[in-house]
Amino acid sequence: MQYVNLLGVHPGCVELRTFAKKFFDALGVNDREERESSNYIDGCYFKGSLGGMTFSVAISDEDAHENVPYWIHISADLVTPDALEDAVSQLIRDKVLPMGFQLVHIVNFGKRGELRIDY
């Protein structure tokens, strides 16, 4: 299992539910649901899937990146991390950024040596 972590914001979204809906709509994700979990801020997150990728959208607790308050965790069964990063980057450039989102890819999310890459 490979994964990519993004943080994002959209100027028209002031709450998680609105952000997740707009994000999933931009990607064309129809298979989605709201889930409850005490592991997430406000006790909920949104999960969806598309083309073998699973997307979880939640409120981020990363103070270092407070200008992008929503966390998007993307996972897939691909052979290499580069294959998933390439697929995600293509989706982001083609479908999400044109809809007004600001997204950043966080390499080594939450670890020493974390690297922020703005799209």
PDB file of N, CA and C in Angstrom:
ATOM      1  N   MET A   1       0.848  -1.178   0.000  1.00  0.00           N
ATOM      2  CA  MET A   1       0.000   0.000   0.000  1.00  0.00           C
ATOM      3  C   MET A   1       0.889   1.236   0.000  1.00  0.00           C
ATOM      4  N   GLN A   2       0.642   2.118  -0.940  1.00  0.00           N
ATOM      5  CA  GLN A   2       1.363   3.388  -1.031  1.00  0.00           C
ATOM      6  C   GLN A   2       0.400   4.501  -0.636  1.00  0.00           C
ATOM      7  N   TYR A   3       0.941   5.615  -0.205  1.00  0.00           N
ATOM      8  CA  TYR A   3       0.074   6.725   0.172  1.00  0.00           C
ATOM      9  C   TYR A   3       0.723   8.071  -0.109  1.00  0.00           C
ATOM     10  N   VAL A   4      -0.135   9.076  -0.259  1.00  0.00           N
ATOM     11  CA  VAL A   4       0.267  10.463  -0.472  1.00  0.00           C
ATOM     12  C   VAL A   4      -0.571  11.313   0.477  1.00  0.00           C
ATOM     13  N   ASN A   5       0.068  12.296   1.108  1.00  0.00           N
ATOM     14  CA  ASN A   5      -0.637  13.224   1.987  1.00  0.00           C
ATOM     15  C   ASN A   5      -0.634  14.614   1.381  1.00  0.00           C
ATOM     16  N   LEU A   6      -1.824  15.201   1.310  1.00  0.00           N
ATOM     17  CA  LEU A   6      -1.981  16.560   0.822  1.00  0.00           C
ATOM     18  C   LEU A   6      -2.652  17.388   1.912  1.00  0.00           C
ATOM     19  N   LEU A   7      -2.411  18.665   1.886  1.00  0.00           N
ATOM     20  CA  LEU A   7      -3.172  19.618   2.687  1.00  0.00           C
ATOM     21  C   LEU A   7      -3.777  20.610   1.717  1.00  0.00           C
ATOM     22  N   GLY A   8      -4.958  21.105   2.023  1.00  0.00           N
ATOM     23  CA  GLY A   8      -5.591  21.998   1.064  1.00  0.00           C
ATOM     24  C   GLY A   8      -6.576  22.965   1.670  1.00  0.00           C
ATOM     25  N   VAL A   9      -7.017  23.855   0.804  1.00  0.00           N
ATOM     26  CA  VAL A   9      -8.021  24.855   1.150  1.00  0.00           C
ATOM     27  C   VAL A   9      -8.742  25.238  -0.137  1.00  0.00           C
ATOM     28  N   HIS A  10      -9.968  25.713   0.027  1.00  0.00           N
ATOM     29  CA  HIS A  10     -10.723  26.254  -1.094  1.00  0.00           C
ATOM     30  C   HIS A  10     -11.397  27.520  -0.584  1.00  0.00           C
ATOM     31  N   PRO A  11     -11.300  28.617  -1.319  1.00  0.00           N
ATOM     32  CA  PRO A  11     -11.847  29.886  -0.818  1.00  0.00           C
ATOM     33  C   PRO A  11     -13.348  29.861  -0.527  1.00  0.00           C
ATOM     34  N   GLY A  12     -14.086  28.975  -1.152  1.00  0.00           N
ATOM     35  CA  GLY A  12     -15.525  28.921  -0.936  1.00  0.00           C
ATOM     36  C   GLY A  12     -15.958  27.942   0.141  1.00  0.00           C
ATOM     37  N   CYS A  13     -14.998  27.363   0.870  1.00  0.00           N
ATOM     38  CA  CYS A  13     -15.323  26.328   1.853  1.00  0.00           C
ATOM     39  C   CYS A  13     -14.825  26.711   3.241  1.00  0.00           C
ATOM     40  N   VAL A  14     -15.764  26.840   4.172  1.00  0.00           N
ATOM     41  CA  VAL A  14     -15.385  27.202   5.537  1.00  0.00           C
ATOM     42  C   VAL A  14     -15.610  26.064   6.526  1.00  0.00           C
ATOM     43  N   GLU A  15     -16.041  24.911   6.031  1.00  0.00           N
ATOM     44  CA  GLU A  15     -16.212  23.757   6.897  1.00  0.00           C
ATOM     45  C   GLU A  15     -15.820  22.483   6.142  1.00  0.00           C
ATOM     46  N   LEU A  16     -15.512  21.444   6.906  1.00  0.00           N
ATOM     47  CA  LEU A  16     -15.031  20.182   6.336  1.00  0.00           C
ATOM     48  C   LEU A  16     -16.023  19.579   5.339  1.00  0.00           C
ATOM     49  N   ARG A  17     -17.285  19.509   5.698  1.00  0.00           N
ATOM     50  CA  ARG A  17     -18.288  18.876   4.827  1.00  0.00           C
ATOM     51  C   ARG A  17     -18.320  19.532   3.446  1.00  0.00           C
ATOM     52  N   THR A  18     -18.296  20.851   3.418  1.00  0.00           N
ATOM     53  CA  THR A  18     -18.325  21.587   2.154  1.00  0.00           C
ATOM     54  C   THR A  18     -17.045  21.343   1.357  1.00  0.00           C
ATOM     55  N   PHE A  19     -15.901  21.379   2.035  1.00  0.00           N
ATOM     56  CA  PHE A  19     -14.624  21.137   1.371  1.00  0.00           C
ATOM     57  C   PHE A  19     -14.592  19.734   0.761  1.00  0.00           C
ATOM     58  N   ALA A  20     -14.968  18.718   1.559  1.00  0.00           N
ATOM     59  CA  ALA A  20     -14.931  17.333   1.076  1.00  0.00           C
ATOM     60  C   ALA A  20     -15.858  17.152  -0.124  1.00  0.00           C
ATOM     61  N   LYS A  21     -17.059  17.708  -0.060  1.00  0.00           N
ATOM     62  CA  LYS A  21     -17.995  17.579  -1.175  1.00  0.00           C
ATOM     63  C   LYS A  21     -17.426  18.212  -2.439  1.00  0.00           C
ATOM     64  N   LYS A  22     -16.899  19.415  -2.311  1.00  0.00           N
ATOM     65  CA  LYS A  22     -16.351  20.107  -3.475  1.00  0.00           C
ATOM     66  C   LYS A  22     -15.138  19.350  -4.039  1.00  0.00           C
ATOM     67  N   PHE A  23     -14.279  18.817  -3.147  1.00  0.00           N
ATOM     68  CA  PHE A  23     -13.102  18.049  -3.569  1.00  0.00           C
ATOM     69  C   PHE A  23     -13.527  16.778  -4.308  1.00  0.00           C
ATOM     70  N   PHE A  24     -14.460  16.015  -3.718  1.00  0.00           N
ATOM     71  CA  PHE A  24     -14.920  14.787  -4.367  1.00  0.00           C
ATOM     72  C   PHE A  24     -15.632  15.085  -5.687  1.00  0.00           C
ATOM     73  N   ASP A  25     -16.416  16.161  -5.727  1.00  0.00           N
ATOM     74  CA  ASP A  25     -17.086  16.553  -6.970  1.00  0.00           C
ATOM     75  C   ASP A  25     -16.065  16.881  -8.058  1.00  0.00           C
ATOM     76  N   ALA A  26     -14.994  17.587  -7.693  1.00  0.00           N
ATOM     77  CA  ALA A  26     -13.964  17.956  -8.666  1.00  0.00           C
ATOM     78  C   ALA A  26     -13.314  16.716  -9.275  1.00  0.00           C
ATOM     79  N   LEU A  27     -13.113  15.688  -8.449  1.00  0.00           N
ATOM     80  CA  LEU A  27     -12.491  14.452  -8.938  1.00  0.00           C
ATOM     81  C   LEU A  27     -13.474  13.524  -9.648  1.00  0.00           C
ATOM     82  N   GLY A  28     -14.751  13.722  -9.420  1.00  0.00           N
ATOM     83  CA  GLY A  28     -15.753  12.802  -9.958  1.00  0.00           C
ATOM     84  C   GLY A  28     -15.946  11.576  -9.083  1.00  0.00           C
ATOM     85  N   VAL A  29     -15.686  11.715  -7.782  1.00  0.00           N
ATOM     86  CA  VAL A  29     -15.846  10.612  -6.829  1.00  0.00           C
ATOM     87  C   VAL A  29     -17.315  10.535  -6.418  1.00  0.00           C
ATOM     88  N   ASN A  30     -17.980   9.460  -6.827  1.00  0.00           N
ATOM     89  CA  ASN A  30     -19.378   9.253  -6.453  1.00  0.00           C
ATOM     90  C   ASN A  30     -19.506   8.301  -5.269  1.00  0.00           C
ATOM     91  N   ASP A  31     -18.535   7.418  -5.107  1.00  0.00           N
ATOM     92  CA  ASP A  31     -18.515   6.447  -4.014  1.00  0.00           C
ATOM     93  C   ASP A  31     -17.864   7.108  -2.801  1.00  0.00           C
ATOM     94  N   ARG A  32     -18.700   7.755  -1.946  1.00  0.00           N
ATOM     95  CA  ARG A  32     -18.171   8.512  -0.810  1.00  0.00           C
ATOM     96  C   ARG A  32     -19.147   8.455   0.351  1.00  0.00           C
ATOM     97  N   GLU A  33     -18.589   8.697   1.553  1.00  0.00           N
ATOM     98  CA  GLU A  33     -19.415   8.658   2.751  1.00  0.00           C
ATOM     99  C   GLU A  33     -18.770   9.455   3.876  1.00  0.00           C
ATOM    100  N   GLU A  34     -19.605   9.887   4.798  1.00  0.00           N
ATOM    101  CA  GLU A  34     -19.123  10.533   6.018  1.00  0.00           C
ATOM    102  C   GLU A  34     -18.967   9.445   7.065  1.00  0.00           C
ATOM    103  N   ARG A  35     -17.864   9.503   7.807  1.00  0.00           N
ATOM    104  CA  ARG A  35     -17.611   8.526   8.856  1.00  0.00           C
ATOM    105  C   ARG A  35     -17.314   9.226  10.171  1.00  0.00           C
ATOM    106  N   GLU A  36     -17.663   8.561  11.249  1.00  0.00           N
ATOM    107  CA  GLU A  36     -17.367   9.075  12.577  1.00  0.00           C
ATOM    108  C   GLU A  36     -16.166   8.349  13.148  1.00  0.00           C
ATOM    109  N   SER A  37     -15.303   9.103  13.834  1.00  0.00           N
ATOM    110  CA  SER A  37     -14.145   8.519  14.499  1.00  0.00           C
ATOM    111  C   SER A  37     -13.588   9.528  15.489  1.00  0.00           C
ATOM    112  N   SER A  38     -13.328   9.072  16.689  1.00  0.00           N
ATOM    113  CA  SER A  38     -12.745   9.962  17.699  1.00  0.00           C
ATOM    114  C   SER A  38     -11.278  10.264  17.406  1.00  0.00           C
ATOM    115  N   ASN A  39     -10.705   9.614  16.409  1.00  0.00           N
ATOM    116  CA  ASN A  39      -9.311   9.867  16.020  1.00  0.00           C
ATOM    117  C   ASN A  39      -9.155  11.137  15.187  1.00  0.00           C
ATOM    118  N   TYR A  40     -10.269  11.738  14.778  1.00  0.00           N
ATOM    119  CA  TYR A  40     -10.234  12.911  13.917  1.00  0.00           C
ATOM    120  C   TYR A  40     -10.813  14.125  14.640  1.00  0.00           C
ATOM    121  N   ILE A  41     -10.307  15.307  14.296  1.00  0.00           N
ATOM    122  CA  ILE A  41     -10.842  16.549  14.844  1.00  0.00           C
ATOM    123  C   ILE A  41     -12.324  16.639  14.506  1.00  0.00           C
ATOM    124  N   ASP A  42     -13.121  17.044  15.443  1.00  0.00           N
ATOM    125  CA  ASP A  42     -14.579  17.137  15.331  1.00  0.00           C
ATOM    126  C   ASP A  42     -15.260  15.777  15.177  1.00  0.00           C
ATOM    127  N   GLY A  43     -14.490  14.688  15.316  1.00  0.00           N
ATOM    128  CA  GLY A  43     -15.063  13.349  15.340  1.00  0.00           C
ATOM    129  C   GLY A  43     -15.560  12.792  14.037  1.00  0.00           C
ATOM    130  N   CYS A  44     -15.181  13.409  12.909  1.00  0.00           N
ATOM    131  CA  CYS A  44     -15.624  12.855  11.633  1.00  0.00           C
ATOM    132  C   CYS A  44     -14.608  13.118  10.524  1.00  0.00           C
ATOM    133  N   TYR A  45     -14.746  12.334   9.467  1.00  0.00           N
ATOM    134  CA  TYR A  45     -13.967  12.521   8.249  1.00  0.00           C
ATOM    135  C   TYR A  45     -14.796  11.982   7.094  1.00  0.00           C
ATOM    136  N   PHE A  46     -14.339  12.219   5.883  1.00  0.00           N
ATOM    137  CA  PHE A  46     -15.055  11.770   4.697  1.00  0.00           C
ATOM    138  C   PHE A  46     -14.151  10.835   3.907  1.00  0.00           C
ATOM    139  N   LYS A  47     -14.724   9.774   3.392  1.00  0.00           N
ATOM    140  CA  LYS A  47     -13.950   8.776   2.657  1.00  0.00           C
ATOM    141  C   LYS A  47     -14.613   8.520   1.315  1.00  0.00           C
ATOM    142  N   GLY A  48     -13.780   8.406   0.274  1.00  0.00           N
ATOM    143  CA  GLY A  48     -14.280   8.124  -1.060  1.00  0.00           C
ATOM    144  C   GLY A  48     -13.262   7.324  -1.838  1.00  0.00           C
ATOM    145  N   SER A  49     -13.687   6.747  -2.936  1.00  0.00           N
ATOM    146  CA  SER A  49     -12.748   5.978  -3.766  1.00  0.00           C
ATOM    147  C   SER A  49     -13.015   6.225  -5.240  1.00  0.00           C
ATOM    148  N   LEU A  50     -11.936   6.110  -5.992  1.00  0.00           N
ATOM    149  CA  LEU A  50     -11.987   6.336  -7.436  1.00  0.00           C
ATOM    150  C   LEU A  50     -10.800   5.642  -8.085  1.00  0.00           C
ATOM    151  N   GLY A  51     -11.060   4.780  -9.044  1.00  0.00           N
ATOM    152  CA  GLY A  51      -9.995   4.162  -9.817  1.00  0.00           C
ATOM    153  C   GLY A  51      -8.914   3.477  -8.998  1.00  0.00           C
ATOM    154  N   GLY A  52      -9.286   2.774  -7.954  1.00  0.00           N
ATOM    155  CA  GLY A  52      -8.309   2.066  -7.133  1.00  0.00           C
ATOM    156  C   GLY A  52      -7.638   2.919  -6.072  1.00  0.00           C
ATOM    157  N   MET A  53      -7.994   4.192  -6.008  1.00  0.00           N
ATOM    158  CA  MET A  53      -7.454   5.074  -4.981  1.00  0.00           C
ATOM    159  C   MET A  53      -8.522   5.333  -3.930  1.00  0.00           C
ATOM    160  N   THR A  54      -8.082   5.404  -2.676  1.00  0.00           N
ATOM    161  CA  THR A  54      -8.981   5.736  -1.566  1.00  0.00           C
ATOM    162  C   THR A  54      -8.571   7.091  -1.008  1.00  0.00           C
ATOM    163  N   PHE A  55      -9.551   7.964  -0.847  1.00  0.00           N
ATOM    164  CA  PHE A  55      -9.318   9.327  -0.362  1.00  0.00           C
ATOM    165  C   PHE A  55      -9.994   9.491   0.993  1.00  0.00           C
ATOM    166  N   SER A  56      -9.249   9.981   1.978  1.00  0.00           N
ATOM    167  CA  SER A  56      -9.821  10.369   3.267  1.00  0.00           C
ATOM    168  C   SER A  56      -9.593  11.867   3.421  1.00  0.00           C
ATOM    169  N   VAL A  57     -10.654  12.587   3.758  1.00  0.00           N
ATOM    170  CA  VAL A  57     -10.577  14.041   3.907  1.00  0.00           C
ATOM    171  C   VAL A  57     -10.997  14.387   5.338  1.00  0.00           C
ATOM    172  N   ALA A  58     -10.126  15.122   6.032  1.00  0.00           N
ATOM    173  CA  ALA A  58     -10.377  15.468   7.432  1.00  0.00           C
ATOM    174  C   ALA A  58      -9.798  16.844   7.729  1.00  0.00           C
ATOM    175  N   ILE A  59     -10.081  17.346   8.910  1.00  0.00           N
ATOM    176  CA  ILE A  59      -9.466  18.592   9.367  1.00  0.00           C
ATOM    177  C   ILE A  59      -8.062  18.267   9.844  1.00  0.00           C
ATOM    178  N   SER A  60      -7.106  19.046   9.411  1.00  0.00           N
ATOM    179  CA  SER A  60      -5.708  18.843   9.810  1.00  0.00           C
ATOM    180  C   SER A  60      -5.451  19.481  11.167  1.00  0.00           C
ATOM    181  N   ASP A  61      -4.553  18.869  11.919  1.00  0.00           N
ATOM    182  CA  ASP A  61      -4.130  19.450  13.199  1.00  0.00           C
ATOM    183  C   ASP A  61      -2.696  19.953  13.125  1.00  0.00           C
ATOM    184  N   GLU A  62      -2.214  20.191  11.915  1.00  0.00           N
ATOM    185  CA  GLU A  62      -0.841  20.643  11.693  1.00  0.00           C
ATOM    186  C   GLU A  62      -0.755  22.163  11.791  1.00  0.00           C
ATOM    187  N   ASP A  63      -0.284  22.667  12.917  1.00  0.00           N
ATOM    188  CA  ASP A  63      -0.151  24.110  13.116  1.00  0.00           C
ATOM    189  C   ASP A  63       0.823  24.753  12.141  1.00  0.00           C
ATOM    190  N   ALA A  64       1.823  23.992  11.700  1.00  0.00           N
ATOM    191  CA  ALA A  64       2.828  24.542  10.794  1.00  0.00           C
ATOM    192  C   ALA A  64       2.250  24.874   9.419  1.00  0.00           C
ATOM    193  N   HIS A  65       1.093  24.334   9.112  1.00  0.00           N
ATOM    194  CA  HIS A  65       0.469  24.545   7.797  1.00  0.00           C
ATOM    195  C   HIS A  65      -0.967  25.047   7.970  1.00  0.00           C
ATOM    196  N   GLU A  66      -1.168  25.993   8.865  1.00  0.00           N
ATOM    197  CA  GLU A  66      -2.532  26.421   9.191  1.00  0.00           C
ATOM    198  C   GLU A  66      -3.257  27.101   8.038  1.00  0.00           C
ATOM    199  N   ASN A  67      -2.536  27.542   7.011  1.00  0.00           N
ATOM    200  CA  ASN A  67      -3.192  28.175   5.863  1.00  0.00           C
ATOM    201  C   ASN A  67      -3.839  27.154   4.924  1.00  0.00           C
ATOM    202  N   VAL A  68      -3.569  25.877   5.139  1.00  0.00           N
ATOM    203  CA  VAL A  68      -4.201  24.792   4.381  1.00  0.00           C
ATOM    204  C   VAL A  68      -4.778  23.795   5.409  1.00  0.00           C
ATOM    205  N   PRO A  69      -6.001  24.067   5.906  1.00  0.00           N
ATOM    206  CA  PRO A  69      -6.523  23.364   7.080  1.00  0.00           C
ATOM    207  C   PRO A  69      -7.117  21.975   6.863  1.00  0.00           C
ATOM    208  N   TYR A  70      -7.203  21.522   5.624  1.00  0.00           N
ATOM    209  CA  TYR A  70      -7.825  20.222   5.385  1.00  0.00           C
ATOM    210  C   TYR A  70      -6.780  19.207   4.922  1.00  0.00           C
ATOM    211  N   TRP A  71      -6.839  18.025   5.519  1.00  0.00           N
ATOM    212  CA  TRP A  71      -5.896  16.942   5.245  1.00  0.00           C
ATOM    213  C   TRP A  71      -6.549  15.931   4.312  1.00  0.00           C
ATOM    214  N   ILE A  72      -5.853  15.597   3.237  1.00  0.00           N
ATOM    215  CA  ILE A  72      -6.321  14.606   2.272  1.00  0.00           C
ATOM    216  C   ILE A  72      -5.290  13.488   2.226  1.00  0.00           C
ATOM    217  N   HIS A  73      -5.688  12.314   2.689  1.00  0.00           N
ATOM    218  CA  HIS A  73      -4.812  11.140   2.685  1.00  0.00           C
ATOM    219  C   HIS A  73      -5.275  10.242   1.542  1.00  0.00           C
ATOM    220  N   ILE A  74      -4.364   9.938   0.631  1.00  0.00           N
ATOM    221  CA  ILE A  74      -4.701   9.138  -0.547  1.00  0.00           C
ATOM    222  C   ILE A  74      -3.875   7.866  -0.514  1.00  0.00           C
ATOM    223  N   SER A  75      -4.528   6.730  -0.654  1.00  0.00           N
ATOM    224  CA  SER A  75      -3.813   5.450  -0.645  1.00  0.00           C
ATOM    225  C   SER A  75      -4.251   4.594  -1.826  1.00  0.00           C
ATOM    226  N   ALA A  76      -3.342   3.708  -2.244  1.00  0.00           N
ATOM    227  CA  ALA A  76      -3.624   2.793  -3.354  1.00  0.00           C
ATOM    228  C   ALA A  76      -2.620   1.657  -3.333  1.00  0.00           C
ATOM    229  N   ASP A  77      -3.021   0.532  -3.891  1.00  0.00           N
ATOM    230  CA  ASP A  77      -2.120  -0.614  -4.034  1.00  0.00           C
ATOM    231  C   ASP A  77      -1.354  -0.489  -5.339  1.00  0.00           C
ATOM    232  N   LEU A  78      -0.291   0.300  -5.316  1.00  0.00           N
ATOM    233  CA  LEU A  78       0.571   0.441  -6.479  1.00  0.00           C
ATOM    234  C   LEU A  78       1.967  -0.038  -6.099  1.00  0.00           C
ATOM    235  N   VAL A  79       2.751  -0.400  -7.093  1.00  0.00           N
ATOM    236  CA  VAL A  79       4.059  -1.002  -6.839  1.00  0.00           C
ATOM    237  C   VAL A  79       5.034  -0.024  -6.191  1.00  0.00           C
ATOM    238  N   THR A  80       5.031   1.226  -6.630  1.00  0.00           N
ATOM    239  CA  THR A  80       6.001   2.193  -6.101  1.00  0.00           C
ATOM    240  C   THR A  80       5.306   3.463  -5.634  1.00  0.00           C
ATOM    241  N   PRO A  81       5.912   4.159  -4.673  1.00  0.00           N
ATOM    242  CA  PRO A  81       5.351   5.448  -4.254  1.00  0.00           C
ATOM    243  C   PRO A  81       5.313   6.453  -5.404  1.00  0.00           C
ATOM    244  N   ASP A  82       6.308   6.392  -6.288  1.00  0.00           N
ATOM    245  CA  ASP A  82       6.350   7.323  -7.425  1.00  0.00           C
ATOM    246  C   ASP A  82       5.143   7.158  -8.338  1.00  0.00           C
ATOM    247  N   ALA A  83       4.677   5.924  -8.513  1.00  0.00           N
ATOM    248  CA  ALA A  83       3.524   5.685  -9.383  1.00  0.00           C
ATOM    249  C   ALA A  83       2.280   6.376  -8.824  1.00  0.00           C
ATOM    250  N   LEU A  84       2.079   6.292  -7.504  1.00  0.00           N
ATOM    251  CA  LEU A  84       0.929   6.959  -6.903  1.00  0.00           C
ATOM    252  C   LEU A  84       1.100   8.470  -6.944  1.00  0.00           C
ATOM    253  N   GLU A  85       2.280   8.962  -6.629  1.00  0.00           N
ATOM    254  CA  GLU A  85       2.525  10.411  -6.667  1.00  0.00           C
ATOM    255  C   GLU A  85       2.266  10.975  -8.053  1.00  0.00           C
ATOM    256  N   ASP A  86       2.692  10.250  -9.091  1.00  0.00           N
ATOM    257  CA  ASP A  86       2.450  10.695 -10.466  1.00  0.00           C
ATOM    258  C   ASP A  86       0.956  10.719 -10.789  1.00  0.00           C
ATOM    259  N   ALA A  87       0.235   9.670 -10.387  1.00  0.00           N
ATOM    260  CA  ALA A  87      -1.204   9.594 -10.654  1.00  0.00           C
ATOM    261  C   ALA A  87      -1.951  10.695  -9.909  1.00  0.00           C
ATOM    262  N   VAL A  88      -1.578  10.928  -8.654  1.00  0.00           N
ATOM    263  CA  VAL A  88      -2.226  11.971  -7.863  1.00  0.00           C
ATOM    264  C   VAL A  88      -1.929  13.348  -8.447  1.00  0.00           C
ATOM    265  N   SER A  89      -0.682  13.597  -8.794  1.00  0.00           N
ATOM    266  CA  SER A  89      -0.309  14.888  -9.371  1.00  0.00           C
ATOM    267  C   SER A  89      -1.096  15.181 -10.641  1.00  0.00           C
ATOM    268  N   GLN A  90      -1.276  14.173 -11.475  1.00  0.00           N
ATOM    269  CA  GLN A  90      -2.038  14.346 -12.710  1.00  0.00           C
ATOM    270  C   GLN A  90      -3.492  14.696 -12.408  1.00  0.00           C
ATOM    271  N   LEU A  91      -4.113  13.972 -11.472  1.00  0.00           N
ATOM    272  CA  LEU A  91      -5.496  14.269 -11.086  1.00  0.00           C
ATOM    273  C   LEU A  91      -5.628  15.682 -10.527  1.00  0.00           C
ATOM    274  N   ILE A  92      -4.692  16.059  -9.670  1.00  0.00           N
ATOM    275  CA  ILE A  92      -4.739  17.383  -9.041  1.00  0.00           C
ATOM    276  C   ILE A  92      -4.634  18.473 -10.097  1.00  0.00           C
ATOM    277  N   ARG A  93      -3.654  18.348 -10.995  1.00  0.00           N
ATOM    278  CA  ARG A  93      -3.465  19.365 -12.035  1.00  0.00           C
ATOM    279  C   ARG A  93      -4.641  19.436 -12.996  1.00  0.00           C
ATOM    280  N   ASP A  94      -5.162  18.273 -13.385  1.00  0.00           N
ATOM    281  CA  ASP A  94      -6.214  18.230 -14.406  1.00  0.00           C
ATOM    282  C   ASP A  94      -7.608  18.570 -13.874  1.00  0.00           C
ATOM    283  N   LYS A  95      -7.925  18.140 -12.648  1.00  0.00           N
ATOM    284  CA  LYS A  95      -9.301  18.245 -12.167  1.00  0.00           C
ATOM    285  C   LYS A  95      -9.506  19.149 -10.962  1.00  0.00           C
ATOM    286  N   VAL A  96      -8.558  19.192 -10.046  1.00  0.00           N
ATOM    287  CA  VAL A  96      -8.805  19.864  -8.772  1.00  0.00           C
ATOM    288  C   VAL A  96      -8.368  21.328  -8.791  1.00  0.00           C
ATOM    289  N   LEU A  97      -7.147  21.592  -9.233  1.00  0.00           N
ATOM    290  CA  LEU A  97      -6.671  22.975  -9.253  1.00  0.00           C
ATOM    291  C   LEU A  97      -7.544  23.891 -10.103  1.00  0.00           C
ATOM    292  N   PRO A  98      -8.035  23.436 -11.269  1.00  0.00           N
ATOM    293  CA  PRO A  98      -8.899  24.316 -12.068  1.00  0.00           C
ATOM    294  C   PRO A  98     -10.206  24.706 -11.358  1.00  0.00           C
ATOM    295  N   MET A  99     -10.571  23.979 -10.294  1.00  0.00           N
ATOM    296  CA  MET A  99     -11.796  24.275  -9.556  1.00  0.00           C
ATOM    297  C   MET A  99     -11.549  25.232  -8.390  1.00  0.00           C
ATOM    298  N   GLY A 100     -10.332  25.809  -8.316  1.00  0.00           N
ATOM    299  CA  GLY A 100     -10.050  26.835  -7.318  1.00  0.00           C
ATOM    300  C   GLY A 100      -9.386  26.368  -6.042  1.00  0.00           C
ATOM    301  N   PHE A 101      -8.999  25.114  -5.971  1.00  0.00           N
ATOM    302  CA  PHE A 101      -8.338  24.600  -4.778  1.00  0.00           C
ATOM    303  C   PHE A 101      -6.884  25.037  -4.712  1.00  0.00           C
ATOM    304  N   GLN A 102      -6.382  25.205  -3.500  1.00  0.00           N
ATOM    305  CA  GLN A 102      -4.953  25.380  -3.254  1.00  0.00           C
ATOM    306  C   GLN A 102      -4.528  24.135  -2.490  1.00  0.00           C
ATOM    307  N   LEU A 103      -3.607  23.366  -3.061  1.00  0.00           N
ATOM    308  CA  LEU A 103      -3.164  22.122  -2.439  1.00  0.00           C
ATOM    309  C   LEU A 103      -1.650  22.070  -2.346  1.00  0.00           C
ATOM    310  N   VAL A 104      -1.192  21.381  -1.304  1.00  0.00           N
ATOM    311  CA  VAL A 104       0.238  21.137  -1.133  1.00  0.00           C
ATOM    312  C   VAL A 104       0.439  19.660  -0.835  1.00  0.00           C
ATOM    313  N   HIS A 105       1.509  19.115  -1.375  1.00  0.00           N
ATOM    314  CA  HIS A 105       1.899  17.730  -1.106  1.00  0.00           C
ATOM    315  C   HIS A 105       2.904  17.776   0.041  1.00  0.00           C
ATOM    316  N   ILE A 106       2.660  16.986   1.081  1.00  0.00           N
ATOM    317  CA  ILE A 106       3.559  16.941   2.223  1.00  0.00           C
ATOM    318  C   ILE A 106       4.275  15.593   2.212  1.00  0.00           C
ATOM    319  N   VAL A 107       5.579  15.623   1.949  1.00  0.00           N
ATOM    320  CA  VAL A 107       6.406  14.416   1.958  1.00  0.00           C
ATOM    321  C   VAL A 107       6.908  14.227   3.387  1.00  0.00           C
ATOM    322  N   ASN A 108       6.883  12.992   3.880  1.00  0.00           N
ATOM    323  CA  ASN A 108       7.249  12.673   5.268  1.00  0.00           C
ATOM    324  C   ASN A 108       6.355  13.427   6.252  1.00  0.00           C
ATOM    325  N   PHE A 109       5.065  13.414   5.996  1.00  0.00           N
ATOM    326  CA  PHE A 109       4.072  14.150   6.777  1.00  0.00           C
ATOM    327  C   PHE A 109       4.185  13.828   8.265  1.00  0.00           C
ATOM    328  N   GLY A 110       4.341  14.882   9.076  1.00  0.00           N
ATOM    329  CA  GLY A 110       4.404  14.740  10.519  1.00  0.00           C
ATOM    330  C   GLY A 110       5.704  14.175  11.058  1.00  0.00           C
ATOM    331  N   LYS A 111       6.725  14.091  10.218  1.00  0.00           N
ATOM    332  CA  LYS A 111       8.002  13.513  10.637  1.00  0.00           C
ATOM    333  C   LYS A 111       9.122  14.527  10.466  1.00  0.00           C
ATOM    334  N   ARG A 112      10.239  14.229  11.058  1.00  0.00           N
ATOM    335  CA  ARG A 112      11.431  15.059  10.863  1.00  0.00           C
ATOM    336  C   ARG A 112      11.804  15.021   9.382  1.00  0.00           C
ATOM    337  N   GLY A 113      12.172  16.145   8.843  1.00  0.00           N
ATOM    338  CA  GLY A 113      12.525  16.198   7.428  1.00  0.00           C
ATOM    339  C   GLY A 113      11.314  16.356   6.519  1.00  0.00           C
ATOM    340  N   GLU A 114      10.175  16.736   7.107  1.00  0.00           N
ATOM    341  CA  GLU A 114       8.969  16.962   6.319  1.00  0.00           C
ATOM    342  C   GLU A 114       9.244  17.993   5.225  1.00  0.00           C
ATOM    343  N   LEU A 115       8.699  17.748   4.041  1.00  0.00           N
ATOM    344  CA  LEU A 115       8.914  18.634   2.902  1.00  0.00           C
ATOM    345  C   LEU A 115       7.573  19.046   2.311  1.00  0.00           C
ATOM    346  N   ARG A 116       7.372  20.344   2.139  1.00  0.00           N
ATOM    347  CA  ARG A 116       6.132  20.880   1.567  1.00  0.00           C
ATOM    348  C   ARG A 116       6.370  21.234   0.114  1.00  0.00           C
ATOM    349  N   ILE A 117       5.522  20.707  -0.770  1.00  0.00           N
ATOM    350  CA  ILE A 117       5.605  20.994  -2.200  1.00  0.00           C
ATOM    351  C   ILE A 117       4.260  21.573  -2.631  1.00  0.00           C
ATOM    352  N   ASP A 118       4.244  22.847  -2.975  1.00  0.00           N
ATOM    353  CA  ASP A 118       3.023  23.511  -3.413  1.00  0.00           C
ATOM    354  C   ASP A 118       2.722  23.168  -4.871  1.00  0.00           C
ATOM    355  N   TYR A 119       1.468  22.879  -5.165  1.00  0.00           N
ATOM    356  CA  TYR A 119       1.054  22.638  -6.553  1.00  0.00           C
ATOM    357  C   TYR A 119       0.817  23.960  -7.221  1.00  0.00           C
TER     358      TYR A 119
END
